Each structure stands twice: as C-alpha cells, then as structure tokens.
C-alpha cells in the first residue's frame, strides 16, 4: 500500500503546540497516519456532517482525523488540548 497524503485543516494547525516536545509528538503522530491510515483512535466522534471521526490523545493534545480511503488521504480536522 502506498502512503496516504495527510491534510491538516488550517484552523486545527493554529491550535497545535508551537514548539517543544509536545509539538514533536503531535506532528510525529500526524506523519505516522500516512503509512498507517487505519490507526485506531482512543475514541470516536461524529462531526457536523454525520461522519465518524477518530480522536487520538497524543501527549496533552487530542487529534481528530478521518481516512478518505477512496482517494488515499487522511484529513486532520481538529487539534485541541485533550482536557477540553
């Protein structure tokens, strides 16, 4: 299987940690989705369109994503503090 393209919502990127070990952990996780698009989340949510998304807690942050297998893409829709 070829790696998936990973797209991060611009608004979500604004909430990502700006530097340090937390940023490295979050960005490493997001990059890992390209080679493992079937990564399971810690829980799932339903977005405003009714789509089921996966949420993975990475350090102090929660990363929300979904796989669009038809076009081999991962969409990262939200990055937020995990306790929010």
C-alpha atoms as a PDB file:
ATOM      1  CA  UNK A   1       0.000   0.000   0.000  1.00  0.00           C
ATOM      2  CA  UNK A   2       1.347   3.424  -0.904  1.00  0.00           C
ATOM      3  CA  UNK A   3       1.443   6.146   1.776  1.00  0.00           C
ATOM      4  CA  UNK A   4      -1.621   8.321   2.115  1.00  0.00           C
ATOM      5  CA  UNK A   5      -1.448  12.092   1.735  1.00  0.00           C
ATOM      6  CA  UNK A   6      -2.137  13.857   5.025  1.00  0.00           C
ATOM      7  CA  UNK A   7      -4.005  17.170   5.080  1.00  0.00           C
ATOM      8  CA  UNK A   8      -4.302  19.334   8.181  1.00  0.00           C
ATOM      9  CA  UNK A   9      -7.113  21.846   8.489  1.00  0.00           C
ATOM     10  CA  UNK A  10      -5.561  25.322   8.738  1.00  0.00           C
ATOM     11  CA  UNK A  11      -7.709  26.165  11.748  1.00  0.00           C
ATOM     12  CA  UNK A  12      -6.609  22.986  13.513  1.00  0.00           C
ATOM     13  CA  UNK A  13      -2.967  23.771  12.883  1.00  0.00           C
ATOM     14  CA  UNK A  14      -3.405  27.042  14.758  1.00  0.00           C
ATOM     15  CA  UNK A  15      -4.163  25.066  17.937  1.00  0.00           C
ATOM     16  CA  UNK A  16      -1.169  22.730  17.623  1.00  0.00           C
ATOM     17  CA  UNK A  17       1.686  23.284  20.051  1.00  0.00           C
ATOM     18  CA  UNK A  18       4.134  25.768  18.560  1.00  0.00           C
ATOM     19  CA  UNK A  19       7.368  24.141  19.722  1.00  0.00           C
ATOM     20  CA  UNK A  20       8.968  21.659  22.063  1.00  0.00           C
ATOM     21  CA  UNK A  21       8.362  18.003  22.786  1.00  0.00           C
ATOM     22  CA  UNK A  22       4.552  18.286  22.601  1.00  0.00           C
ATOM     23  CA  UNK A  23       4.772  19.632  19.034  1.00  0.00           C
ATOM     24  CA  UNK A  24       7.162  16.852  18.047  1.00  0.00           C
ATOM     25  CA  UNK A  25       4.821  14.189  19.464  1.00  0.00           C
ATOM     26  CA  UNK A  26       1.748  15.635  17.719  1.00  0.00           C
ATOM     27  CA  UNK A  27       3.483  16.104  14.370  1.00  0.00           C
ATOM     28  CA  UNK A  28       5.142  12.658  14.524  1.00  0.00           C
ATOM     29  CA  UNK A  29       1.718  11.116  15.142  1.00  0.00           C
ATOM     30  CA  UNK A  30       0.170  13.028  12.225  1.00  0.00           C
ATOM     31  CA  UNK A  31       3.019  11.946   9.923  1.00  0.00           C
ATOM     32  CA  UNK A  32       2.548   8.325  11.035  1.00  0.00           C
ATOM     33  CA  UNK A  33      -1.014   8.389   9.698  1.00  0.00           C
ATOM     34  CA  UNK A  34       0.376   8.452   6.145  1.00  0.00           C
ATOM     35  CA  UNK A  35       1.773   4.938   6.495  1.00  0.00           C
ATOM     36  CA  UNK A  36      -0.875   3.637   8.886  1.00  0.00           C
ATOM     37  CA  UNK A  37      -4.204   5.155   7.781  1.00  0.00           C
ATOM     38  CA  UNK A  38      -6.136   2.557   9.772  1.00  0.00           C
ATOM     39  CA  UNK A  39      -4.795   3.862  13.086  1.00  0.00           C
ATOM     40  CA  UNK A  40      -7.443   3.484  15.756  1.00  0.00           C
ATOM     41  CA  UNK A  41      -8.323   6.404  17.956  1.00  0.00           C
ATOM     42  CA  UNK A  42      -8.824   6.422  21.687  1.00  0.00           C
ATOM     43  CA  UNK A  43     -12.464   7.217  20.956  1.00  0.00           C
ATOM     44  CA  UNK A  44     -14.642   8.400  18.077  1.00  0.00           C
ATOM     45  CA  UNK A  45     -16.892  11.394  17.498  1.00  0.00           C
ATOM     46  CA  UNK A  46     -19.442  12.360  14.883  1.00  0.00           C
ATOM     47  CA  UNK A  47     -18.677  15.569  13.009  1.00  0.00           C
ATOM     48  CA  UNK A  48     -21.175  18.171  11.788  1.00  0.00           C
ATOM     49  CA  UNK A  49     -21.731  16.223   8.544  1.00  0.00           C
ATOM     50  CA  UNK A  50     -22.511  12.967  10.377  1.00  0.00           C
ATOM     51  CA  UNK A  51     -19.125  11.411   9.538  1.00  0.00           C
ATOM     52  CA  UNK A  52     -17.459   9.297  12.199  1.00  0.00           C
ATOM     53  CA  UNK A  53     -14.030  10.653  13.077  1.00  0.00           C
ATOM     54  CA  UNK A  54     -11.326   9.169  15.257  1.00  0.00           C
ATOM     55  CA  UNK A  55      -9.689  11.024  18.128  1.00  0.00           C
ATOM     56  CA  UNK A  56      -6.241  10.104  19.398  1.00  0.00           C
ATOM     57  CA  UNK A  57      -4.797  11.630  22.554  1.00  0.00           C
ATOM     58  CA  UNK A  58      -1.152  12.488  21.927  1.00  0.00           C
ATOM     59  CA  UNK A  59       0.574  13.959  24.956  1.00  0.00           C
ATOM     60  CA  UNK A  60      -1.631  16.806  26.157  1.00  0.00           C
ATOM     61  CA  UNK A  61      -3.447  17.141  22.804  1.00  0.00           C
ATOM     62  CA  UNK A  62      -6.373  15.409  21.095  1.00  0.00           C
ATOM     63  CA  UNK A  63      -6.023  14.963  17.326  1.00  0.00           C
ATOM     64  CA  UNK A  64      -9.226  14.385  15.345  1.00  0.00           C
ATOM     65  CA  UNK A  65      -8.890  12.722  11.942  1.00  0.00           C
ATOM     66  CA  UNK A  66     -10.586  10.542   9.368  1.00  0.00           C
ATOM     67  CA  UNK A  67      -9.385   8.448   6.465  1.00  0.00           C
ATOM     68  CA  UNK A  68     -10.728   9.028   2.971  1.00  0.00           C
ATOM     69  CA  UNK A  69      -9.774   5.650   1.534  1.00  0.00           C
ATOM     70  CA  UNK A  70     -11.297   6.420  -1.882  1.00  0.00           C
ATOM     71  CA  UNK A  71      -8.547   8.976  -2.559  1.00  0.00           C
ATOM     72  CA  UNK A  72      -5.858   7.691  -0.142  1.00  0.00           C
ATOM     73  CA  UNK A  73      -5.960  10.751   2.107  1.00  0.00           C
ATOM     74  CA  UNK A  74      -6.067  11.430   5.832  1.00  0.00           C
ATOM     75  CA  UNK A  75      -7.867  14.573   6.945  1.00  0.00           C
ATOM     76  CA  UNK A  76      -6.856  16.068  10.308  1.00  0.00           C
ATOM     77  CA  UNK A  77      -9.769  18.261  11.285  1.00  0.00           C
ATOM     78  CA  UNK A  78      -9.027  19.355  14.853  1.00  0.00           C
ATOM     79  CA  UNK A  79      -6.121  19.620  17.254  1.00  0.00           C
ATOM     80  CA  UNK A  80      -7.049  20.735  20.768  1.00  0.00           C
ATOM     81  CA  UNK A  81      -5.985  20.331  24.348  1.00  0.00           C
ATOM     82  CA  UNK A  82      -7.128  16.893  25.476  1.00  0.00           C
ATOM     83  CA  UNK A  83      -8.849  18.158  28.604  1.00  0.00           C
ATOM     84  CA  UNK A  84     -11.209  20.472  26.689  1.00  0.00           C
END
